[in-house]
Amino acid sequence: MTPDQPELRLSDAEREQALEALGVHLTNGRLDLDEYGQRSAQIVAAKTRGDLVPIFRDLPDPHPEVLVSKLPQDQRTAPPAPSSARPLAQRFAASVVPIAAIISLVLFLTVARGMWMVFLLPALAVIIAGMIGKQGYR
C-alpha cells in the first residue's frame, strides 16, 4: 500500500476520511480503544500521505481514499458495512440498555436499597428504542 506521491501534504478532509476508516475498524473489533487512540493521534499528527501508510498497513479495507485509489484492483477487498447503516433504534438500544442496567444495579445497591422496581429501567429503555424505531428515524 503506497500512496501516489507520498510526499504530498494531507488535507483536513483526507485526515477526516482516515479517522472514519479507523473508526470502522474499531467498530468491527479489529482495534481496541487504546490502539484506536494511538492510531487516531498519529492520523491527526500526520503531515503527508506517506505518514498514513504504517497506520493502515496491517488493516484490511476500508482505507482512506488517499491510499485506496492507488491499490491494484486485485488487492482491494469489499469494505464492511459501516455501523451507521444500522437504524437509530438499534444503535440507541445497543448503547442505552447496558447503561440503564448498570444504573439500575447501582441505584439498587445504593440509593434505592431493596426497591426492585429500578430493574425496570432497562425494559423502559427497550420500549423507548422500539417506539423510536417504529417512527422510522434513521
N, C-alpha and C. Protein backbone atom coordinates (compact mmCIF):
# COMPACT_ATOMS: atom_id res chain seq x y z
N MET A 1 0.85 -1.16 0.00
CA MET A 1 0.00 0.00 0.00
C MET A 1 0.90 1.23 0.00
N THR A 2 1.04 1.83 -1.14
CA THR A 2 1.82 3.05 -1.25
C THR A 2 0.98 4.09 -1.96
N PRO A 3 0.81 5.24 -1.34
CA PRO A 3 0.01 6.28 -1.99
C PRO A 3 0.77 6.90 -3.15
N ASP A 4 0.02 7.42 -4.10
CA ASP A 4 0.63 8.17 -5.19
C ASP A 4 1.15 9.47 -4.60
N GLN A 5 2.37 9.78 -4.85
CA GLN A 5 3.02 10.98 -4.34
C GLN A 5 2.95 11.06 -2.81
N PRO A 6 3.65 10.16 -2.13
CA PRO A 6 3.59 10.11 -0.66
C PRO A 6 4.11 11.36 0.03
N GLU A 7 4.82 12.20 -0.69
CA GLU A 7 5.37 13.40 -0.07
C GLU A 7 4.37 14.55 -0.02
N LEU A 8 3.21 14.41 -0.70
CA LEU A 8 2.20 15.48 -0.69
C LEU A 8 1.57 15.61 0.69
N ARG A 9 1.31 16.82 1.09
CA ARG A 9 0.72 17.08 2.39
C ARG A 9 -0.76 16.70 2.40
N LEU A 10 -1.23 16.26 3.56
CA LEU A 10 -2.63 15.85 3.73
C LEU A 10 -3.53 17.06 3.94
N SER A 11 -4.75 16.96 3.44
CA SER A 11 -5.75 17.97 3.73
C SER A 11 -6.55 17.55 4.95
N ASP A 12 -7.34 18.46 5.49
CA ASP A 12 -8.20 18.12 6.62
C ASP A 12 -9.22 17.06 6.23
N ALA A 13 -9.73 17.15 5.00
CA ALA A 13 -10.72 16.17 4.53
C ALA A 13 -10.10 14.77 4.45
N GLU A 14 -8.85 14.68 4.01
CA GLU A 14 -8.18 13.38 3.92
C GLU A 14 -7.92 12.81 5.31
N ARG A 15 -7.58 13.67 6.27
CA ARG A 15 -7.41 13.20 7.66
C ARG A 15 -8.75 12.70 8.21
N GLU A 16 -9.82 13.41 7.89
CA GLU A 16 -11.15 13.01 8.35
C GLU A 16 -11.53 11.64 7.77
N GLN A 17 -11.24 11.41 6.50
CA GLN A 17 -11.51 10.11 5.89
C GLN A 17 -10.72 9.01 6.57
N ALA A 18 -9.48 9.31 6.92
CA ALA A 18 -8.65 8.32 7.59
C ALA A 18 -9.21 8.00 8.98
N LEU A 19 -9.68 9.03 9.69
CA LEU A 19 -10.28 8.79 11.01
C LEU A 19 -11.56 7.98 10.91
N GLU A 20 -12.36 8.25 9.87
CA GLU A 20 -13.59 7.49 9.66
C GLU A 20 -13.28 6.02 9.37
N ALA A 21 -12.28 5.77 8.53
CA ALA A 21 -11.90 4.39 8.21
C ALA A 21 -11.39 3.68 9.46
N LEU A 22 -10.63 4.39 10.28
CA LEU A 22 -10.13 3.81 11.53
C LEU A 22 -11.29 3.51 12.48
N GLY A 23 -12.31 4.37 12.49
CA GLY A 23 -13.49 4.14 13.32
C GLY A 23 -14.24 2.88 12.93
N VAL A 24 -14.27 2.57 11.63
CA VAL A 24 -14.91 1.34 11.17
C VAL A 24 -14.16 0.13 11.72
N HIS A 25 -12.84 0.19 11.74
CA HIS A 25 -12.05 -0.92 12.27
C HIS A 25 -12.26 -1.08 13.78
N LEU A 26 -12.45 0.03 14.48
CA LEU A 26 -12.76 -0.04 15.91
C LEU A 26 -14.13 -0.68 16.11
N THR A 27 -15.11 -0.26 15.33
CA THR A 27 -16.46 -0.81 15.43
C THR A 27 -16.49 -2.30 15.12
N ASN A 28 -15.68 -2.73 14.16
CA ASN A 28 -15.64 -4.14 13.77
C ASN A 28 -14.80 -4.99 14.70
N GLY A 29 -14.16 -4.38 15.68
CA GLY A 29 -13.40 -5.14 16.67
C GLY A 29 -11.97 -5.45 16.27
N ARG A 30 -11.48 -4.84 15.22
CA ARG A 30 -10.09 -5.09 14.83
C ARG A 30 -9.11 -4.31 15.70
N LEU A 31 -9.57 -3.22 16.30
CA LEU A 31 -8.73 -2.39 17.17
C LEU A 31 -9.40 -2.25 18.52
N ASP A 32 -8.60 -2.21 19.59
CA ASP A 32 -9.17 -1.89 20.89
C ASP A 32 -9.08 -0.37 21.08
N LEU A 33 -9.64 0.12 22.17
CA LEU A 33 -9.71 1.57 22.37
C LEU A 33 -8.32 2.20 22.48
N ASP A 34 -7.39 1.54 23.15
CA ASP A 34 -6.05 2.10 23.28
C ASP A 34 -5.36 2.22 21.92
N GLU A 35 -5.45 1.16 21.13
CA GLU A 35 -4.83 1.16 19.81
C GLU A 35 -5.50 2.21 18.91
N TYR A 36 -6.83 2.31 19.02
CA TYR A 36 -7.55 3.32 18.24
C TYR A 36 -7.07 4.72 18.62
N GLY A 37 -6.91 4.95 19.93
CA GLY A 37 -6.45 6.26 20.39
C GLY A 37 -5.06 6.59 19.87
N GLN A 38 -4.18 5.61 19.90
CA GLN A 38 -2.82 5.84 19.42
C GLN A 38 -2.80 6.13 17.92
N ARG A 39 -3.54 5.32 17.17
CA ARG A 39 -3.53 5.49 15.71
C ARG A 39 -4.25 6.77 15.29
N SER A 40 -5.33 7.12 15.98
CA SER A 40 -6.01 8.36 15.62
C SER A 40 -5.14 9.57 15.94
N ALA A 41 -4.34 9.50 17.01
CA ALA A 41 -3.40 10.58 17.30
C ALA A 41 -2.34 10.68 16.21
N GLN A 42 -1.91 9.54 15.69
CA GLN A 42 -0.94 9.54 14.59
C GLN A 42 -1.55 10.15 13.32
N ILE A 43 -2.83 9.88 13.09
CA ILE A 43 -3.50 10.44 11.92
C ILE A 43 -3.59 11.95 12.04
N VAL A 44 -3.97 12.43 13.22
CA VAL A 44 -4.09 13.87 13.43
C VAL A 44 -2.73 14.54 13.25
N ALA A 45 -1.66 13.88 13.68
CA ALA A 45 -0.32 14.45 13.57
C ALA A 45 0.31 14.25 12.20
N ALA A 46 -0.29 13.41 11.34
CA ALA A 46 0.29 13.11 10.03
C ALA A 46 0.34 14.37 9.17
N LYS A 47 1.45 14.52 8.49
CA LYS A 47 1.64 15.69 7.61
C LYS A 47 1.50 15.31 6.13
N THR A 48 1.98 14.11 5.78
CA THR A 48 1.96 13.72 4.37
C THR A 48 1.17 12.43 4.18
N ARG A 49 0.86 12.13 2.93
CA ARG A 49 0.14 10.89 2.60
C ARG A 49 0.93 9.67 3.03
N GLY A 50 2.22 9.72 2.90
CA GLY A 50 3.07 8.60 3.28
C GLY A 50 3.01 8.30 4.77
N ASP A 51 2.68 9.30 5.59
CA ASP A 51 2.56 9.07 7.03
C ASP A 51 1.39 8.16 7.39
N LEU A 52 0.41 8.03 6.49
CA LEU A 52 -0.76 7.19 6.76
C LEU A 52 -0.49 5.71 6.51
N VAL A 53 0.50 5.41 5.69
CA VAL A 53 0.75 4.02 5.29
C VAL A 53 0.98 3.10 6.49
N PRO A 54 1.88 3.42 7.43
CA PRO A 54 2.10 2.48 8.54
C PRO A 54 0.88 2.32 9.45
N ILE A 55 0.02 3.30 9.48
CA ILE A 55 -1.16 3.24 10.34
C ILE A 55 -2.15 2.20 9.83
N PHE A 56 -2.26 2.05 8.51
CA PHE A 56 -3.23 1.14 7.91
C PHE A 56 -2.61 -0.12 7.32
N ARG A 57 -1.31 -0.30 7.47
CA ARG A 57 -0.62 -1.42 6.81
C ARG A 57 -1.19 -2.78 7.23
N ASP A 58 -1.52 -2.96 8.51
CA ASP A 58 -1.98 -4.26 8.99
C ASP A 58 -3.51 -4.38 9.03
N LEU A 59 -4.21 -3.45 8.42
CA LEU A 59 -5.67 -3.45 8.43
C LEU A 59 -6.23 -3.68 7.03
N PRO A 60 -7.30 -4.48 6.91
CA PRO A 60 -7.95 -4.64 5.60
C PRO A 60 -8.77 -3.39 5.26
N ASP A 61 -9.45 -3.42 4.14
CA ASP A 61 -10.33 -2.31 3.79
C ASP A 61 -11.37 -2.12 4.88
N PRO A 62 -11.83 -0.94 5.11
CA PRO A 62 -11.66 0.28 4.36
C PRO A 62 -10.38 1.02 4.74
N HIS A 63 -9.81 1.67 3.74
CA HIS A 63 -8.67 2.57 3.90
C HIS A 63 -9.12 3.95 3.44
N PRO A 64 -8.41 4.99 3.84
CA PRO A 64 -8.76 6.32 3.32
C PRO A 64 -8.56 6.38 1.80
N GLU A 65 -9.31 7.23 1.14
CA GLU A 65 -9.25 7.36 -0.32
C GLU A 65 -7.84 7.59 -0.81
N VAL A 66 -7.05 8.33 -0.06
CA VAL A 66 -5.68 8.64 -0.46
C VAL A 66 -4.88 7.36 -0.68
N LEU A 67 -5.16 6.32 0.11
CA LEU A 67 -4.44 5.06 -0.02
C LEU A 67 -5.15 4.07 -0.92
N VAL A 68 -6.47 4.03 -0.90
CA VAL A 68 -7.25 3.04 -1.65
C VAL A 68 -7.14 3.25 -3.14
N SER A 69 -7.21 4.48 -3.58
CA SER A 69 -7.27 4.74 -5.02
C SER A 69 -6.01 4.27 -5.74
N LYS A 70 -4.94 4.04 -5.03
CA LYS A 70 -3.69 3.66 -5.66
C LYS A 70 -3.38 2.17 -5.55
N LEU A 71 -4.24 1.41 -4.87
CA LEU A 71 -4.04 -0.03 -4.76
C LEU A 71 -4.46 -0.71 -6.05
N PRO A 72 -3.75 -1.74 -6.49
CA PRO A 72 -4.22 -2.51 -7.64
C PRO A 72 -5.57 -3.15 -7.32
N GLN A 73 -6.40 -3.31 -8.31
CA GLN A 73 -7.76 -3.82 -8.12
C GLN A 73 -7.78 -5.18 -7.42
N ASP A 74 -6.81 -6.06 -7.71
CA ASP A 74 -6.81 -7.39 -7.11
C ASP A 74 -6.45 -7.37 -5.62
N GLN A 75 -5.90 -6.27 -5.11
CA GLN A 75 -5.57 -6.18 -3.69
C GLN A 75 -6.69 -5.54 -2.88
N ARG A 76 -7.70 -5.03 -3.54
CA ARG A 76 -8.81 -4.39 -2.83
C ARG A 76 -9.82 -5.44 -2.39
N THR A 77 -10.40 -5.22 -1.24
CA THR A 77 -11.49 -6.07 -0.76
C THR A 77 -12.70 -5.19 -0.52
N ALA A 78 -13.86 -5.79 -0.49
CA ALA A 78 -15.07 -5.03 -0.26
C ALA A 78 -15.08 -4.53 1.18
N PRO A 79 -15.34 -3.25 1.38
CA PRO A 79 -15.36 -2.72 2.75
C PRO A 79 -16.57 -3.25 3.51
N PRO A 80 -16.43 -3.47 4.81
CA PRO A 80 -17.57 -3.90 5.59
C PRO A 80 -18.60 -2.79 5.70
N ALA A 81 -19.83 -3.18 5.95
CA ALA A 81 -20.88 -2.18 6.09
C ALA A 81 -20.59 -1.29 7.30
N PRO A 82 -20.68 0.01 7.14
CA PRO A 82 -20.42 0.89 8.27
C PRO A 82 -21.49 0.75 9.33
N SER A 83 -21.13 1.07 10.55
CA SER A 83 -22.07 0.91 11.65
C SER A 83 -23.26 1.85 11.52
N SER A 84 -23.10 2.95 10.79
CA SER A 84 -24.20 3.89 10.64
C SER A 84 -25.31 3.33 9.75
N ALA A 85 -25.10 2.16 9.12
CA ALA A 85 -26.13 1.55 8.30
C ALA A 85 -27.25 0.97 9.17
N ARG A 86 -26.96 0.75 10.46
CA ARG A 86 -28.00 0.24 11.36
C ARG A 86 -28.97 1.36 11.70
N PRO A 87 -30.24 1.04 11.87
CA PRO A 87 -31.22 2.05 12.24
C PRO A 87 -30.89 2.66 13.60
N LEU A 88 -31.38 3.87 13.77
CA LEU A 88 -31.13 4.61 15.01
C LEU A 88 -31.61 3.83 16.22
N ALA A 89 -32.75 3.17 16.12
CA ALA A 89 -33.29 2.43 17.27
C ALA A 89 -32.34 1.33 17.71
N GLN A 90 -31.71 0.64 16.77
CA GLN A 90 -30.77 -0.41 17.13
C GLN A 90 -29.53 0.18 17.78
N ARG A 91 -29.01 1.28 17.24
CA ARG A 91 -27.85 1.92 17.85
C ARG A 91 -28.18 2.46 19.23
N PHE A 92 -29.38 3.03 19.36
CA PHE A 92 -29.83 3.57 20.64
C PHE A 92 -29.95 2.45 21.68
N ALA A 93 -30.62 1.37 21.31
CA ALA A 93 -30.81 0.25 22.24
C ALA A 93 -29.48 -0.40 22.60
N ALA A 94 -28.60 -0.50 21.64
CA ALA A 94 -27.31 -1.14 21.90
C ALA A 94 -26.47 -0.36 22.90
N SER A 95 -26.65 0.94 22.95
CA SER A 95 -25.85 1.73 23.89
C SER A 95 -26.60 2.07 25.17
N VAL A 96 -27.90 2.26 25.09
CA VAL A 96 -28.65 2.72 26.26
C VAL A 96 -29.02 1.58 27.20
N VAL A 97 -29.36 0.43 26.68
CA VAL A 97 -29.82 -0.66 27.54
C VAL A 97 -28.74 -1.12 28.53
N PRO A 98 -27.49 -1.36 28.10
CA PRO A 98 -26.47 -1.74 29.10
C PRO A 98 -26.21 -0.64 30.12
N ILE A 99 -26.25 0.61 29.68
CA ILE A 99 -26.05 1.72 30.61
C ILE A 99 -27.19 1.75 31.61
N ALA A 100 -28.42 1.56 31.14
CA ALA A 100 -29.57 1.55 32.05
C ALA A 100 -29.47 0.39 33.04
N ALA A 101 -28.96 -0.76 32.60
CA ALA A 101 -28.80 -1.90 33.51
C ALA A 101 -27.78 -1.59 34.60
N ILE A 102 -26.69 -0.96 34.24
CA ILE A 102 -25.67 -0.60 35.24
C ILE A 102 -26.21 0.43 36.22
N ILE A 103 -26.91 1.43 35.70
CA ILE A 103 -27.51 2.44 36.57
C ILE A 103 -28.52 1.80 37.51
N SER A 104 -29.31 0.86 37.00
CA SER A 104 -30.27 0.16 37.84
C SER A 104 -29.58 -0.57 38.98
N LEU A 105 -28.51 -1.27 38.68
CA LEU A 105 -27.79 -2.01 39.70
C LEU A 105 -27.19 -1.07 40.75
N VAL A 106 -26.61 0.02 40.29
CA VAL A 106 -26.03 0.99 41.23
C VAL A 106 -27.12 1.59 42.11
N LEU A 107 -28.24 1.97 41.52
CA LEU A 107 -29.34 2.52 42.31
C LEU A 107 -29.86 1.49 43.32
N PHE A 108 -29.98 0.25 42.89
CA PHE A 108 -30.49 -0.80 43.77
C PHE A 108 -29.57 -1.00 44.97
N LEU A 109 -28.28 -0.94 44.74
CA LEU A 109 -27.33 -1.19 45.82
C LEU A 109 -27.04 0.04 46.68
N THR A 110 -27.40 1.24 46.23
CA THR A 110 -27.09 2.44 47.00
C THR A 110 -28.35 3.18 47.42
N VAL A 111 -28.85 4.02 46.59
CA VAL A 111 -29.95 4.92 46.93
C VAL A 111 -31.27 4.18 47.13
N ALA A 112 -31.62 3.31 46.22
CA ALA A 112 -32.91 2.64 46.24
C ALA A 112 -32.76 1.22 46.79
N ARG A 113 -32.19 1.11 47.96
CA ARG A 113 -31.95 -0.22 48.55
C ARG A 113 -33.25 -1.01 48.67
N GLY A 114 -33.25 -2.16 48.04
CA GLY A 114 -34.39 -3.05 48.15
C GLY A 114 -35.53 -2.73 47.21
N MET A 115 -35.46 -1.64 46.46
CA MET A 115 -36.54 -1.30 45.54
C MET A 115 -36.27 -2.00 44.20
N TRP A 116 -36.89 -3.15 44.02
CA TRP A 116 -36.65 -3.96 42.83
C TRP A 116 -37.14 -3.29 41.56
N MET A 117 -37.99 -2.28 41.68
CA MET A 117 -38.57 -1.64 40.50
C MET A 117 -37.53 -0.89 39.66
N VAL A 118 -36.35 -0.60 40.23
CA VAL A 118 -35.32 0.09 39.44
C VAL A 118 -34.83 -0.79 38.30
N PHE A 119 -35.05 -2.10 38.41
CA PHE A 119 -34.62 -3.00 37.34
C PHE A 119 -35.56 -2.94 36.14
N LEU A 120 -36.57 -2.11 36.20
CA LEU A 120 -37.44 -1.89 35.05
C LEU A 120 -36.86 -0.84 34.10
N LEU A 121 -35.80 -0.13 34.51
CA LEU A 121 -35.18 0.87 33.66
C LEU A 121 -34.68 0.31 32.33
N PRO A 122 -33.98 -0.84 32.31
CA PRO A 122 -33.57 -1.37 31.01
C PRO A 122 -34.76 -1.73 30.11
N ALA A 123 -35.82 -2.25 30.70
CA ALA A 123 -37.02 -2.58 29.92
C ALA A 123 -37.63 -1.30 29.35
N LEU A 124 -37.64 -0.23 30.14
CA LEU A 124 -38.15 1.05 29.67
C LEU A 124 -37.29 1.57 28.51
N ALA A 125 -35.98 1.38 28.60
CA ALA A 125 -35.09 1.81 27.51
C ALA A 125 -35.39 1.04 26.23
N VAL A 126 -35.68 -0.26 26.34
CA VAL A 126 -36.01 -1.06 25.16
C VAL A 126 -37.33 -0.58 24.55
N ILE A 127 -38.30 -0.27 25.38
CA ILE A 127 -39.60 0.21 24.88
C ILE A 127 -39.43 1.53 24.14
N ILE A 128 -38.66 2.44 24.70
CA ILE A 128 -38.44 3.74 24.05
C ILE A 128 -37.71 3.54 22.73
N ALA A 129 -36.71 2.68 22.71
CA ALA A 129 -35.98 2.41 21.47
C ALA A 129 -36.91 1.83 20.42
N GLY A 130 -37.82 0.95 20.82
CA GLY A 130 -38.78 0.37 19.89
C GLY A 130 -39.73 1.41 19.33
N MET A 131 -40.15 2.34 20.17
CA MET A 131 -41.04 3.41 19.71
C MET A 131 -40.33 4.31 18.70
N ILE A 132 -39.07 4.60 18.96
CA ILE A 132 -38.31 5.43 18.02
C ILE A 132 -38.17 4.69 16.69
N GLY A 133 -37.90 3.39 16.74
CA GLY A 133 -37.75 2.59 15.52
C GLY A 133 -39.02 2.54 14.70
N LYS A 134 -40.16 2.48 15.35
CA LYS A 134 -41.44 2.43 14.62
C LYS A 134 -41.75 3.74 13.91
N GLN A 135 -41.22 4.84 14.45
CA GLN A 135 -41.48 6.13 13.82
C GLN A 135 -40.61 6.34 12.59
N GLY A 136 -39.63 5.44 12.37
CA GLY A 136 -38.84 5.49 11.15
C GLY A 136 -37.66 6.41 11.17
N TYR A 137 -37.20 6.81 12.34
CA TYR A 137 -35.99 7.66 12.41
C TYR A 137 -34.78 6.85 12.04
N ARG A 138 -33.83 7.49 11.34
CA ARG A 138 -32.56 6.85 10.99
C ARG A 138 -31.44 7.79 11.26
